[in-house]
Amino acid sequence: MSTRVDAYIWAIRLTKTRSAAGAACRGGHVRVNGVTAKPAQPVVPGDEVRVRLAGGERIVEVTKTINKRVSAPLAAECFIDRSPPPPPKEILASQPRRDRGAGRPTKRERRQLDRLRDSSFLVAFLAVVVLLVGGCSDDEPADPNRPNTPEAPAQAGSGPFFGKCGGVTLEEVTRITGFGGLTETVNNTSVCEWDTTGSRTGAVASFNWYRGSPIGREEANVKLSRDVTNKLEIDGHQGFIGYTQSGQICEVGMGFGADFFEWSIRGDAVEARPIEQICDAARELAKLSIERAS
């Protein structure tokens, strides 16, 4: 038995209200089996649901479908929580805050704040490593007048332009994936999706382009949710590939400074195929996007 994803995430208490659950779906903050979900997307036991919230990302595996809000103990029986651990309180306290009187943040500033919250744990870990390495070193800086500060990160949006849908056409996606009956269901400046059923219940292919969002955070999320995750190199560019045979899902992400893109391919569970075929399609589509970037 299936239920709507917006009803499900509200029923298991991931959001406070049903309307907030629907808004999260419409805002692109909810994914089912790696694919951005609309409010009416059905979920069944075995599905993976990701919900991006202000405090980070919740990742749950559906074990029982419900559409009415229940108590916390009963809700816990309806999912397996696979969310990463929250960052320490000290790290949360160190996050930058907006000055009083500065007004409401813009959409761009809100996206940047979300990225800071999501990547805070990784940043803290790297900071500890740098301090430990620095503390164990007896070497003096080559230039004592030069501040001992890290290099600035790559500028957001400094990567190449990948064009509409990663520079790949519907016909090419159909040929490479071998999914018959694909139609384009989402097409905007950063996301394209193709679906065999129109309701995301069958095979799905998607291209996502992230500007100003380092690939490390997404790779960490994939490691938590996929059975296998490995480093990947295509035409000299570094990235990752992650897959789950039982879920018929394979994801390929390729980094470009402070930008990255991701191809996600999900096969039809009714007509399961070897995961190697699905990953070969994801790699080939990623290679085309790189070759056609400008």
Protein backbone atom coordinates (compact mmCIF):
# COMPACT_ATOMS: atom_id res chain seq x y z
CA MET A 1 0.00 0.00 0.00
CA SER A 2 1.35 3.43 -0.95
CA THR A 3 0.77 6.91 0.45
CA ARG A 4 1.63 10.46 -0.64
CA VAL A 5 5.10 11.56 0.40
CA ASP A 6 3.89 14.87 1.84
CA ALA A 7 1.38 13.04 4.04
CA TYR A 8 4.01 10.49 5.05
CA ILE A 9 6.73 12.91 6.17
CA TRP A 10 4.12 14.85 8.17
CA ALA A 11 2.66 11.66 9.68
CA ILE A 12 6.08 10.45 10.90
CA ARG A 13 6.73 13.91 12.38
CA LEU A 14 9.53 15.14 10.11
CA THR A 15 7.56 18.37 9.59
CA LYS A 16 5.27 20.10 12.07
CA THR A 17 2.36 20.60 9.65
CA ARG A 18 0.97 18.99 6.50
CA SER A 19 1.28 22.31 4.66
CA ALA A 20 4.97 22.53 5.61
CA ALA A 21 5.50 19.05 4.16
CA GLY A 22 3.88 20.09 0.88
CA ALA A 23 5.93 23.29 0.77
CA ALA A 24 9.14 21.27 1.27
CA CYS A 25 8.20 19.08 -1.70
CA ARG A 26 7.34 22.03 -3.93
CA GLY A 27 10.60 23.72 -2.94
CA GLY A 28 12.66 20.74 -4.11
CA HIS A 29 13.74 19.77 -0.56
CA VAL A 30 12.30 16.23 -0.65
CA ARG A 31 13.71 13.29 -2.62
CA VAL A 32 12.35 9.76 -2.98
CA ASN A 33 14.94 7.18 -4.06
CA GLY A 34 17.27 9.96 -5.17
CA VAL A 35 14.70 11.79 -7.30
CA THR A 36 13.13 15.15 -6.43
CA ALA A 37 9.57 14.45 -5.29
CA LYS A 38 6.33 16.33 -5.79
CA PRO A 39 3.78 16.34 -2.93
CA ALA A 40 1.70 13.57 -4.55
CA GLN A 41 4.69 11.25 -5.12
CA PRO A 42 3.71 7.82 -3.74
CA VAL A 43 6.00 6.00 -1.31
CA VAL A 44 5.96 2.32 -0.36
CA PRO A 45 7.94 0.23 2.14
CA GLY A 46 11.58 0.03 1.07
CA ASP A 47 11.69 3.53 -0.41
CA GLU A 48 14.32 6.02 0.76
CA VAL A 49 13.03 9.51 1.61
CA ARG A 50 15.34 12.50 2.10
CA VAL A 51 14.04 15.75 3.57
CA ARG A 52 16.23 18.83 3.82
CA LEU A 53 15.33 20.80 6.93
CA ALA A 54 16.75 23.91 8.58
CA GLY A 55 18.89 21.76 10.88
CA GLY A 56 20.30 19.50 8.15
CA GLU A 57 19.01 16.52 6.20
CA ARG A 58 16.84 13.64 7.45
CA ILE A 59 17.22 10.33 5.60
CA VAL A 60 14.69 7.61 6.37
CA GLU A 61 13.79 4.21 4.90
CA VAL A 62 10.06 3.54 4.76
CA THR A 63 9.02 0.40 6.66
CA LYS A 64 5.29 1.12 6.98
CA THR A 65 3.12 3.66 5.16
CA ILE A 66 0.79 5.94 7.13
CA ASN A 67 -1.00 9.16 6.22
CA LYS A 68 -2.30 10.27 9.63
CA ARG A 69 -0.10 11.91 12.25
CA VAL A 70 0.65 9.62 15.19
CA SER A 71 2.64 9.79 18.42
CA ALA A 72 6.43 9.75 18.29
CA PRO A 73 6.73 6.09 19.48
CA LEU A 74 4.26 4.90 16.83
CA ALA A 75 5.90 7.06 14.15
CA ALA A 76 9.29 5.47 14.93
CA GLU A 77 7.86 2.07 13.94
CA CYS A 78 7.16 3.33 10.40
CA PHE A 79 10.74 4.11 9.32
CA ILE A 80 14.42 3.37 9.81
CA ASP A 81 16.37 6.55 10.50
CA ARG A 82 19.55 6.69 8.39
CA SER A 83 20.24 10.39 8.98
CA PRO A 84 23.83 11.51 9.65
CA PRO A 85 24.57 12.60 13.24
CA PRO A 86 24.00 16.31 13.99
CA PRO A 87 27.06 18.56 14.40
CA PRO A 88 28.23 19.32 17.97
CA LYS A 89 26.61 22.27 19.78
CA GLU A 90 29.93 24.10 19.72
CA ILE A 91 29.91 24.05 15.93
CA LEU A 92 26.31 25.24 15.72
CA ALA A 93 27.16 28.11 18.05
CA SER A 94 30.07 29.14 15.83
CA GLN A 95 27.95 29.52 12.69
CA PRO A 96 27.75 33.10 11.39
CA ARG A 97 24.62 35.08 12.23
CA ARG A 98 22.97 37.94 10.40
CA ASP A 99 23.41 41.41 11.95
CA ARG A 100 20.41 43.05 13.56
CA GLY A 101 18.71 45.57 11.31
CA ALA A 102 20.06 43.98 8.14
CA GLY A 103 16.57 43.02 7.02
CA ARG A 104 15.34 39.69 5.70
CA PRO A 105 17.94 37.62 3.82
CA THR A 106 17.58 37.33 0.07
CA LYS A 107 16.89 34.00 -1.61
CA ARG A 108 20.57 33.71 -2.48
CA GLU A 109 21.59 34.41 1.12
CA ARG A 110 19.12 31.80 2.39
CA ARG A 111 20.60 29.19 0.05
CA GLN A 112 24.07 30.07 1.31
CA LEU A 113 22.92 29.75 4.93
CA ASP A 114 21.43 26.32 4.17
CA ARG A 115 24.71 25.19 2.65
CA LEU A 116 26.62 26.44 5.70
CA ARG A 117 24.33 24.50 8.03
CA ASP A 118 24.53 21.31 5.94
CA SER A 119 28.31 21.41 5.64
CA SER A 120 29.11 22.54 9.20
CA PHE A 121 30.13 19.09 10.41
CA LEU A 122 32.54 18.55 7.51
CA VAL A 123 34.01 22.02 7.98
CA ALA A 124 34.53 21.38 11.69
CA PHE A 125 36.27 18.08 10.99
CA LEU A 126 38.62 19.69 8.47
CA ALA A 127 39.35 22.52 10.89
CA VAL A 128 40.36 20.03 13.60
CA VAL A 129 42.64 18.21 11.16
CA VAL A 130 44.32 21.48 10.15
CA LEU A 131 44.86 22.45 13.79
CA LEU A 132 46.32 19.04 14.65
CA VAL A 133 48.67 19.07 11.67
CA GLY A 134 49.69 22.65 12.39
CA GLY A 135 50.28 21.91 16.06
CA CYS A 136 52.54 18.97 15.26
CA SER A 137 54.66 20.88 12.78
CA ASP A 138 57.92 22.56 13.84
CA ASP A 139 58.34 24.40 10.55
CA GLU A 140 58.09 28.21 10.52
CA PRO A 141 56.23 30.00 7.70
CA ALA A 142 58.49 30.84 4.77
CA ASP A 143 57.50 34.51 5.07
CA PRO A 144 56.89 35.67 8.68
CA ASN A 145 55.16 38.82 7.42
CA ARG A 146 52.58 36.83 5.50
CA PRO A 147 49.45 35.82 7.47
CA ASN A 148 49.19 32.08 7.99
CA THR A 149 45.67 31.76 6.52
CA PRO A 150 44.19 29.13 4.20
CA GLU A 151 43.68 29.81 0.54
CA ALA A 152 40.29 31.17 -0.45
CA PRO A 153 37.90 28.57 -1.90
CA ALA A 154 36.98 28.60 -5.55
CA GLN A 155 34.46 31.24 -6.49
CA ALA A 156 30.89 29.99 -6.64
CA GLY A 157 29.74 29.65 -10.22
CA SER A 158 33.30 29.63 -11.58
CA GLY A 159 32.82 26.22 -13.20
CA PRO A 160 31.80 25.66 -16.82
CA PHE A 161 28.30 26.21 -18.21
CA PHE A 162 26.54 22.89 -18.84
CA GLY A 163 23.61 24.16 -20.84
CA LYS A 164 20.04 22.91 -20.92
CA CYS A 165 19.72 19.49 -19.24
CA GLY A 166 23.47 19.05 -19.13
CA GLY A 167 23.65 19.41 -22.91
CA VAL A 168 21.82 16.09 -23.42
CA THR A 169 18.59 15.54 -25.35
CA LEU A 170 15.60 13.35 -24.50
CA GLU A 171 16.47 11.06 -27.41
CA GLU A 172 20.00 10.58 -26.07
CA VAL A 173 18.78 9.88 -22.53
CA THR A 174 16.36 7.29 -23.93
CA ARG A 175 19.04 5.62 -26.05
CA ILE A 176 21.71 5.55 -23.34
CA THR A 177 19.47 4.38 -20.47
CA GLY A 178 17.37 2.02 -22.58
CA PHE A 179 14.23 3.26 -20.78
CA GLY A 180 11.31 3.24 -23.19
CA GLY A 181 8.57 5.86 -22.94
CA LEU A 182 10.59 8.56 -21.19
CA THR A 183 9.02 12.03 -21.07
CA GLU A 184 10.48 15.25 -19.74
CA THR A 185 8.72 16.14 -16.46
CA VAL A 186 11.04 18.85 -15.06
CA ASN A 187 13.07 21.41 -16.98
CA ASN A 188 14.54 24.53 -15.39
CA THR A 189 17.93 26.24 -15.16
CA SER A 190 19.40 23.67 -12.75
CA VAL A 191 17.29 20.49 -12.93
CA CYS A 192 15.97 18.22 -15.67
CA GLU A 193 14.09 14.96 -15.09
CA TRP A 194 12.74 12.28 -17.40
CA ASP A 195 10.14 9.76 -16.26
CA THR A 196 8.57 6.67 -17.82
CA THR A 197 5.28 6.92 -15.90
CA GLY A 198 4.78 10.63 -15.16
CA SER A 199 4.43 9.82 -11.44
CA ARG A 200 8.00 8.70 -10.62
CA THR A 201 6.87 5.14 -9.94
CA GLY A 202 8.87 3.68 -12.83
CA ALA A 203 12.30 4.38 -14.30
CA VAL A 204 13.63 7.92 -13.84
CA ALA A 205 16.70 9.84 -15.03
CA SER A 206 17.66 13.27 -13.70
CA PHE A 207 20.36 15.90 -14.15
CA ASN A 208 21.08 18.38 -11.33
CA TRP A 209 23.51 21.31 -11.58
CA TYR A 210 24.70 22.83 -8.28
CA ARG A 211 26.48 26.21 -8.39
CA GLY A 212 28.33 27.35 -5.30
CA SER A 213 27.83 24.00 -3.56
CA PRO A 214 31.04 21.95 -3.10
CA ILE A 215 30.73 18.30 -4.09
CA GLY A 216 32.05 16.96 -0.76
CA ARG A 217 28.74 17.38 1.07
CA GLU A 218 26.78 15.51 -1.60
CA GLU A 219 29.39 12.74 -1.72
CA ALA A 220 29.09 12.33 2.07
CA ASN A 221 25.30 12.02 1.76
CA VAL A 222 25.63 9.41 -0.98
CA LYS A 223 28.06 7.38 1.15
CA LEU A 224 25.44 7.24 3.89
CA SER A 225 22.58 6.18 1.62
CA ARG A 226 24.15 3.92 -1.04
CA ASP A 227 25.59 0.41 -0.66
CA VAL A 228 28.77 1.28 -2.58
CA THR A 229 30.47 4.64 -3.22
CA ASN A 230 33.75 5.05 -5.10
CA LYS A 231 35.88 7.85 -6.49
CA LEU A 232 35.46 8.47 -10.21
CA GLU A 233 37.49 10.29 -12.87
CA ILE A 234 36.09 11.29 -16.27
CA ASP A 235 38.28 13.15 -18.79
CA GLY A 236 40.55 14.37 -16.00
CA HIS A 237 37.71 15.61 -13.77
CA GLN A 238 37.23 14.16 -10.29
CA GLY A 239 33.95 13.00 -8.75
CA PHE A 240 32.18 9.99 -7.29
CA ILE A 241 29.83 7.16 -8.20
CA GLY A 242 27.40 5.56 -5.76
CA TYR A 243 24.86 2.80 -6.28
CA THR A 244 22.41 0.42 -4.64
CA GLN A 245 21.44 -2.77 -6.48
CA SER A 246 18.23 -3.36 -4.53
CA GLY A 247 17.02 0.17 -5.19
CA GLN A 248 18.13 0.13 -8.85
CA ILE A 249 19.79 3.53 -8.27
CA CYS A 250 23.14 4.85 -9.50
CA GLU A 251 24.41 8.41 -9.02
CA VAL A 252 27.43 10.09 -10.62
CA GLY A 253 28.67 13.47 -9.36
CA MET A 254 31.48 15.48 -10.95
CA GLY A 255 33.11 18.49 -9.25
CA PHE A 256 34.29 21.74 -10.84
CA GLY A 257 35.73 24.05 -8.17
CA ALA A 258 32.79 25.28 -6.08
CA ASP A 259 30.27 23.79 -8.54
CA PHE A 260 29.27 20.24 -9.42
CA PHE A 261 26.66 18.33 -11.38
CA GLU A 262 24.99 15.00 -10.68
CA TRP A 263 23.34 12.42 -12.93
CA SER A 264 20.94 10.08 -11.09
CA ILE A 265 19.48 7.01 -12.81
CA ARG A 266 16.84 4.80 -11.21
CA GLY A 267 15.67 1.63 -12.93
CA ASP A 268 12.21 0.14 -12.80
CA ALA A 269 11.99 -2.17 -9.77
CA VAL A 270 9.42 -4.32 -11.59
CA GLU A 271 11.89 -5.03 -14.40
CA ALA A 272 15.17 -4.99 -12.48
CA ARG A 273 18.39 -4.95 -14.46
CA PRO A 274 22.06 -5.34 -13.38
CA ILE A 275 23.27 -2.25 -11.57
CA GLU A 276 26.32 -2.20 -13.88
CA GLN A 277 24.05 -1.29 -16.80
CA ILE A 278 22.46 1.57 -14.86
CA CYS A 279 25.86 2.91 -13.76
CA ASP A 280 27.26 2.62 -17.31
CA ALA A 281 24.39 4.87 -18.44
CA ALA A 282 25.08 7.39 -15.66
CA ARG A 283 28.78 7.51 -16.55
CA GLU A 284 28.09 7.94 -20.27
CA LEU A 285 25.62 10.78 -19.64
CA ALA A 286 28.13 12.48 -17.32
CA LYS A 287 30.83 12.19 -19.99
CA LEU A 288 28.56 13.82 -22.57
CA SER A 289 27.79 16.70 -20.19
CA ILE A 290 31.51 17.29 -19.62
CA GLU A 291 32.35 17.14 -23.34
CA ARG A 292 29.58 19.62 -24.23
CA ALA A 293 30.23 22.11 -21.44
CA SER A 294 31.27 25.63 -22.42
